[in-house]
Amino acid sequence: MSKSLPLVKIPAMSLRERSIEVDQTHIGTSEFQSFLDDLIETMIVEDGIGIASPQVGKNIRVFIVNEKFGPKAYINPEVTPIGEPIIESEEGCLSVPGVWGIVMRTKKAKVKALDRHGRRVEFEVKGFMAIVFQHEFDHLNGVLFIDKAIRTEQANQHTKQLV
């Protein structure tokens, strides 16, 4: 049974560390699969669109994105922004409560990763989902949206959704 994990929030130093790769031999273990389920549960309970493992204090290269057909795990991902145009995205973060910022992102990104079964996936995302993938990938490198924001403001949490 999955459980919600405690969120790590700024100024926790673990949010600023580069996460380490997951050994492929661990992906199929019940412990790792339970962690993925707990990470998904945490994202849902916290009303997020995505969540990265450093946000629950585990600095491994894993994030979850809540997609059209439900949450999906991405293990050892590479997210590469694709060209122009750069757009302004309004972002918030579960680990930076009460703050919103405008971040410059690309409208498209290429994703390469392993799924929760260790299978290689590769695809492109665009629009809002490209922003979400870039945001979550930044977490794995110790980067928060506030580091990239061209401006920030206090949030009205009833009108925004957190990435």
C-alpha atoms as a PDB file:
ATOM      1  CA  MET A   1       0.000   0.000   0.000  1.00  0.00           C
ATOM      2  CA  SER A   2       1.443   3.355  -0.998  1.00  0.00           C
ATOM      3  CA  LYS A   3       1.900   6.197   1.448  1.00  0.00           C
ATOM      4  CA  SER A   4       2.522   9.887   1.147  1.00  0.00           C
ATOM      5  CA  LEU A   5       6.091  10.915   1.927  1.00  0.00           C
ATOM      6  CA  PRO A   6       7.113  14.134   3.733  1.00  0.00           C
ATOM      7  CA  LEU A   7       8.055  16.941   1.339  1.00  0.00           C
ATOM      8  CA  VAL A   8      11.472  18.547   1.483  1.00  0.00           C
ATOM      9  CA  LYS A   9      11.233  22.333   1.220  1.00  0.00           C
ATOM     10  CA  ILE A  10      13.700  25.166   0.839  1.00  0.00           C
ATOM     11  CA  PRO A  11      16.194  25.866   2.312  1.00  0.00           C
ATOM     12  CA  ALA A  12      17.001  22.109   2.547  1.00  0.00           C
ATOM     13  CA  MET A  13      20.430  21.547   1.009  1.00  0.00           C
ATOM     14  CA  SER A  14      19.371  18.215  -0.541  1.00  0.00           C
ATOM     15  CA  LEU A  15      17.306  20.221  -3.046  1.00  0.00           C
ATOM     16  CA  ARG A  16      20.579  21.733  -4.291  1.00  0.00           C
ATOM     17  CA  GLU A  17      22.432  18.445  -4.864  1.00  0.00           C
ATOM     18  CA  ARG A  18      22.780  16.638  -8.175  1.00  0.00           C
ATOM     19  CA  SER A  19      20.960  13.310  -7.912  1.00  0.00           C
ATOM     20  CA  ILE A  20      22.699  10.033  -8.684  1.00  0.00           C
ATOM     21  CA  GLU A  21      21.638   7.550 -11.337  1.00  0.00           C
ATOM     22  CA  VAL A  22      19.493   4.572 -10.398  1.00  0.00           C
ATOM     23  CA  ASP A  23      21.225   1.234 -10.903  1.00  0.00           C
ATOM     24  CA  GLN A  24      19.110  -0.655 -13.433  1.00  0.00           C
ATOM     25  CA  THR A  25      19.259  -3.796 -11.312  1.00  0.00           C
ATOM     26  CA  HIS A  26      17.260  -2.000  -8.604  1.00  0.00           C
ATOM     27  CA  ILE A  27      14.361  -0.945 -10.819  1.00  0.00           C
ATOM     28  CA  GLY A  28      12.484  -4.242 -10.568  1.00  0.00           C
ATOM     29  CA  THR A  29      12.855  -4.600  -6.804  1.00  0.00           C
ATOM     30  CA  SER A  30       9.788  -4.358  -4.595  1.00  0.00           C
ATOM     31  CA  GLU A  31      11.532  -1.648  -2.535  1.00  0.00           C
ATOM     32  CA  PHE A  32      12.075   0.574  -5.586  1.00  0.00           C
ATOM     33  CA  GLN A  33       8.592  -0.070  -6.983  1.00  0.00           C
ATOM     34  CA  SER A  34       7.102   0.830  -3.575  1.00  0.00           C
ATOM     35  CA  PHE A  35       9.125   4.049  -3.595  1.00  0.00           C
ATOM     36  CA  LEU A  36       7.668   4.945  -7.015  1.00  0.00           C
ATOM     37  CA  ASP A  37       4.153   4.277  -5.702  1.00  0.00           C
ATOM     38  CA  ASP A  38       4.849   6.431  -2.625  1.00  0.00           C
ATOM     39  CA  LEU A  39       6.227   9.223  -4.828  1.00  0.00           C
ATOM     40  CA  ILE A  40       3.075   9.105  -6.967  1.00  0.00           C
ATOM     41  CA  GLU A  41       0.876   9.149  -3.852  1.00  0.00           C
ATOM     42  CA  THR A  42       2.788  12.161  -2.517  1.00  0.00           C
ATOM     43  CA  MET A  43       2.310  14.055  -5.788  1.00  0.00           C
ATOM     44  CA  ILE A  44      -1.435  13.330  -5.721  1.00  0.00           C
ATOM     45  CA  VAL A  45      -1.893  14.215  -2.031  1.00  0.00           C
ATOM     46  CA  GLU A  46       0.062  17.467  -2.520  1.00  0.00           C
ATOM     47  CA  ASP A  47      -1.917  18.304  -5.687  1.00  0.00           C
ATOM     48  CA  GLY A  48       1.154  18.459  -7.917  1.00  0.00           C
ATOM     49  CA  ILE A  49       1.499  17.918 -11.637  1.00  0.00           C
ATOM     50  CA  GLY A  50       4.931  16.410 -11.186  1.00  0.00           C
ATOM     51  CA  ILE A  51       7.363  15.536  -8.418  1.00  0.00           C
ATOM     52  CA  ALA A  52      11.040  14.642  -8.358  1.00  0.00           C
ATOM     53  CA  SER A  53      12.662  12.294  -5.859  1.00  0.00           C
ATOM     54  CA  PRO A  54      14.812  15.048  -4.247  1.00  0.00           C
ATOM     55  CA  GLN A  55      11.541  16.643  -3.141  1.00  0.00           C
ATOM     56  CA  VAL A  56      11.063  13.743  -0.732  1.00  0.00           C
ATOM     57  CA  GLY A  57      14.695  13.650   0.361  1.00  0.00           C
ATOM     58  CA  LYS A  58      15.941  10.914  -1.962  1.00  0.00           C
ATOM     59  CA  ASN A  59      18.603  12.196  -4.342  1.00  0.00           C
ATOM     60  CA  ILE A  60      18.188   9.667  -7.135  1.00  0.00           C
ATOM     61  CA  ARG A  61      17.378  10.442 -10.770  1.00  0.00           C
ATOM     62  CA  VAL A  62      13.640   9.768 -10.767  1.00  0.00           C
ATOM     63  CA  PHE A  63      10.627  11.967 -11.335  1.00  0.00           C
ATOM     64  CA  ILE A  64       6.904  11.469 -11.811  1.00  0.00           C
ATOM     65  CA  VAL A  65       4.692  13.388 -14.237  1.00  0.00           C
ATOM     66  CA  ASN A  66       0.908  13.250 -14.049  1.00  0.00           C
ATOM     67  CA  GLU A  67       0.011  12.806 -17.692  1.00  0.00           C
ATOM     68  CA  LYS A  68      -3.267  12.524 -19.569  1.00  0.00           C
ATOM     69  CA  PHE A  69      -3.696   8.844 -18.690  1.00  0.00           C
ATOM     70  CA  GLY A  70      -2.240   9.048 -15.187  1.00  0.00           C
ATOM     71  CA  PRO A  71       1.104   9.344 -13.413  1.00  0.00           C
ATOM     72  CA  LYS A  72       4.222   7.959 -15.073  1.00  0.00           C
ATOM     73  CA  ALA A  73       7.697   7.441 -13.654  1.00  0.00           C
ATOM     74  CA  TYR A  74      10.856   8.489 -15.491  1.00  0.00           C
ATOM     75  CA  ILE A  75      14.127   6.954 -14.326  1.00  0.00           C
ATOM     76  CA  ASN A  76      17.583   8.315 -15.226  1.00  0.00           C
ATOM     77  CA  PRO A  77      15.954  10.799 -17.607  1.00  0.00           C
ATOM     78  CA  GLU A  78      17.573  13.125 -20.084  1.00  0.00           C
ATOM     79  CA  VAL A  79      15.409  16.105 -20.967  1.00  0.00           C
ATOM     80  CA  THR A  80      16.760  18.254 -23.766  1.00  0.00           C
ATOM     81  CA  PRO A  81      15.069  21.562 -24.605  1.00  0.00           C
ATOM     82  CA  ILE A  82      14.427  21.885 -28.332  1.00  0.00           C
ATOM     83  CA  GLY A  83      15.163  25.192 -30.057  1.00  0.00           C
ATOM     84  CA  GLU A  84      13.009  28.210 -30.214  1.00  0.00           C
ATOM     85  CA  PRO A  85      10.760  29.818 -29.371  1.00  0.00           C
ATOM     86  CA  ILE A  86      11.405  30.465 -25.749  1.00  0.00           C
ATOM     87  CA  ILE A  87       8.219  31.112 -23.802  1.00  0.00           C
ATOM     88  CA  GLU A  88       7.504  32.593 -20.405  1.00  0.00           C
ATOM     89  CA  SER A  89       6.090  29.952 -18.105  1.00  0.00           C
ATOM     90  CA  GLU A  90       4.449  30.715 -14.791  1.00  0.00           C
ATOM     91  CA  GLU A  91       5.732  28.123 -12.339  1.00  0.00           C
ATOM     92  CA  GLY A  92       5.357  27.097  -8.741  1.00  0.00           C
ATOM     93  CA  CYS A  93       6.828  24.191  -6.828  1.00  0.00           C
ATOM     94  CA  LEU A  94       5.807  21.909  -3.983  1.00  0.00           C
ATOM     95  CA  SER A  95       9.245  22.493  -2.421  1.00  0.00           C
ATOM     96  CA  VAL A  96       8.992  26.289  -2.683  1.00  0.00           C
ATOM     97  CA  PRO A  97       5.587  26.967  -1.119  1.00  0.00           C
ATOM     98  CA  GLY A  98       3.860  30.284  -1.567  1.00  0.00           C
ATOM     99  CA  VAL A  99       6.043  31.546  -4.429  1.00  0.00           C
ATOM    100  CA  TRP A 100       5.428  31.772  -8.173  1.00  0.00           C
ATOM    101  CA  GLY A 101       7.865  32.836 -10.833  1.00  0.00           C
ATOM    102  CA  ILE A 102       8.189  33.498 -14.505  1.00  0.00           C
ATOM    103  CA  VAL A 103      10.752  31.163 -16.088  1.00  0.00           C
ATOM    104  CA  MET A 104      11.939  31.124 -19.690  1.00  0.00           C
ATOM    105  CA  ARG A 105      11.501  27.635 -21.201  1.00  0.00           C
ATOM    106  CA  THR A 106      11.347  26.120 -24.658  1.00  0.00           C
ATOM    107  CA  LYS A 107       7.994  25.012 -26.070  1.00  0.00           C
ATOM    108  CA  LYS A 108       9.367  21.572 -26.908  1.00  0.00           C
ATOM    109  CA  ALA A 109      11.704  19.072 -25.286  1.00  0.00           C
ATOM    110  CA  LYS A 110      13.087  15.641 -26.088  1.00  0.00           C
ATOM    111  CA  VAL A 111      12.830  13.025 -23.336  1.00  0.00           C
ATOM    112  CA  LYS A 112      14.905   9.854 -23.015  1.00  0.00           C
ATOM    113  CA  ALA A 113      14.444   7.715 -19.909  1.00  0.00           C
ATOM    114  CA  LEU A 114      13.638   4.337 -18.464  1.00  0.00           C
ATOM    115  CA  ASP A 115      10.042   3.616 -17.466  1.00  0.00           C
ATOM    116  CA  ARG A 116       9.140   1.945 -14.184  1.00  0.00           C
ATOM    117  CA  HIS A 117       9.781  -1.462 -15.759  1.00  0.00           C
ATOM    118  CA  GLY A 118      13.268  -0.521 -16.961  1.00  0.00           C
ATOM    119  CA  ARG A 119      12.230  -0.170 -20.602  1.00  0.00           C
ATOM    120  CA  ARG A 120      13.776   2.634 -22.655  1.00  0.00           C
ATOM    121  CA  VAL A 121      11.355   5.373 -23.723  1.00  0.00           C
ATOM    122  CA  GLU A 122      12.054   8.274 -26.037  1.00  0.00           C
ATOM    123  CA  PHE A 123       9.610  10.957 -27.170  1.00  0.00           C
ATOM    124  CA  GLU A 124       9.033  14.686 -27.564  1.00  0.00           C
ATOM    125  CA  VAL A 125       6.754  16.827 -25.446  1.00  0.00           C
ATOM    126  CA  LYS A 126       5.419  20.266 -26.249  1.00  0.00           C
ATOM    127  CA  GLY A 127       3.556  23.113 -24.636  1.00  0.00           C
ATOM    128  CA  PHE A 128       2.683  22.783 -20.970  1.00  0.00           C
ATOM    129  CA  MET A 129       4.087  19.246 -20.711  1.00  0.00           C
ATOM    130  CA  ALA A 130       7.457  20.440 -22.045  1.00  0.00           C
ATOM    131  CA  ILE A 131       7.533  22.948 -19.189  1.00  0.00           C
ATOM    132  CA  VAL A 132       6.676  20.273 -16.613  1.00  0.00           C
ATOM    133  CA  PHE A 133       9.398  17.905 -17.860  1.00  0.00           C
ATOM    134  CA  GLN A 134      12.014  20.672 -17.886  1.00  0.00           C
ATOM    135  CA  HIS A 135      11.003  21.757 -14.370  1.00  0.00           C
ATOM    136  CA  GLU A 136      11.204  18.231 -12.931  1.00  0.00           C
ATOM    137  CA  PHE A 137      14.489  17.501 -14.698  1.00  0.00           C
ATOM    138  CA  ASP A 138      15.992  20.641 -13.142  1.00  0.00           C
ATOM    139  CA  HIS A 139      15.265  19.155  -9.694  1.00  0.00           C
ATOM    140  CA  LEU A 140      17.521  16.201 -10.487  1.00  0.00           C
ATOM    141  CA  ASN A 141      20.373  18.647 -11.097  1.00  0.00           C
ATOM    142  CA  GLY A 142      19.811  20.642  -7.907  1.00  0.00           C
ATOM    143  CA  VAL A 143      18.156  23.548  -9.724  1.00  0.00           C
ATOM    144  CA  LEU A 144      14.920  25.174  -8.550  1.00  0.00           C
ATOM    145  CA  PHE A 145      12.622  27.321 -10.663  1.00  0.00           C
ATOM    146  CA  ILE A 146      13.472  30.322  -8.488  1.00  0.00           C
ATOM    147  CA  ASP A 147      17.074  30.034  -9.729  1.00  0.00           C
ATOM    148  CA  LYS A 148      15.877  30.605 -13.288  1.00  0.00           C
ATOM    149  CA  ALA A 149      12.977  32.966 -12.632  1.00  0.00           C
ATOM    150  CA  ILE A 150      13.113  36.393 -14.212  1.00  0.00           C
ATOM    151  CA  ARG A 151      10.687  37.523 -11.507  1.00  0.00           C
ATOM    152  CA  THR A 152       8.864  35.986  -8.560  1.00  0.00           C
ATOM    153  CA  GLU A 153       5.764  36.817  -6.540  1.00  0.00           C
ATOM    154  CA  GLN A 154       3.758  35.479  -3.635  1.00  0.00           C
ATOM    155  CA  ALA A 155       1.175  32.970  -4.774  1.00  0.00           C
ATOM    156  CA  ASN A 156      -2.535  32.696  -4.327  1.00  0.00           C
ATOM    157  CA  GLN A 157      -2.561  28.918  -4.043  1.00  0.00           C
ATOM    158  CA  HIS A 158      -6.260  28.676  -4.859  1.00  0.00           C
ATOM    159  CA  THR A 159      -5.740  29.898  -8.420  1.00  0.00           C
ATOM    160  CA  LYS A 160      -2.567  28.059  -9.394  1.00  0.00           C
ATOM    161  CA  GLN A 161      -1.491  24.480  -9.869  1.00  0.00           C
ATOM    162  CA  LEU A 162       1.933  23.398  -8.660  1.00  0.00           C
ATOM    163  CA  VAL A 163       4.479  21.748 -10.898  1.00  0.00           C
END
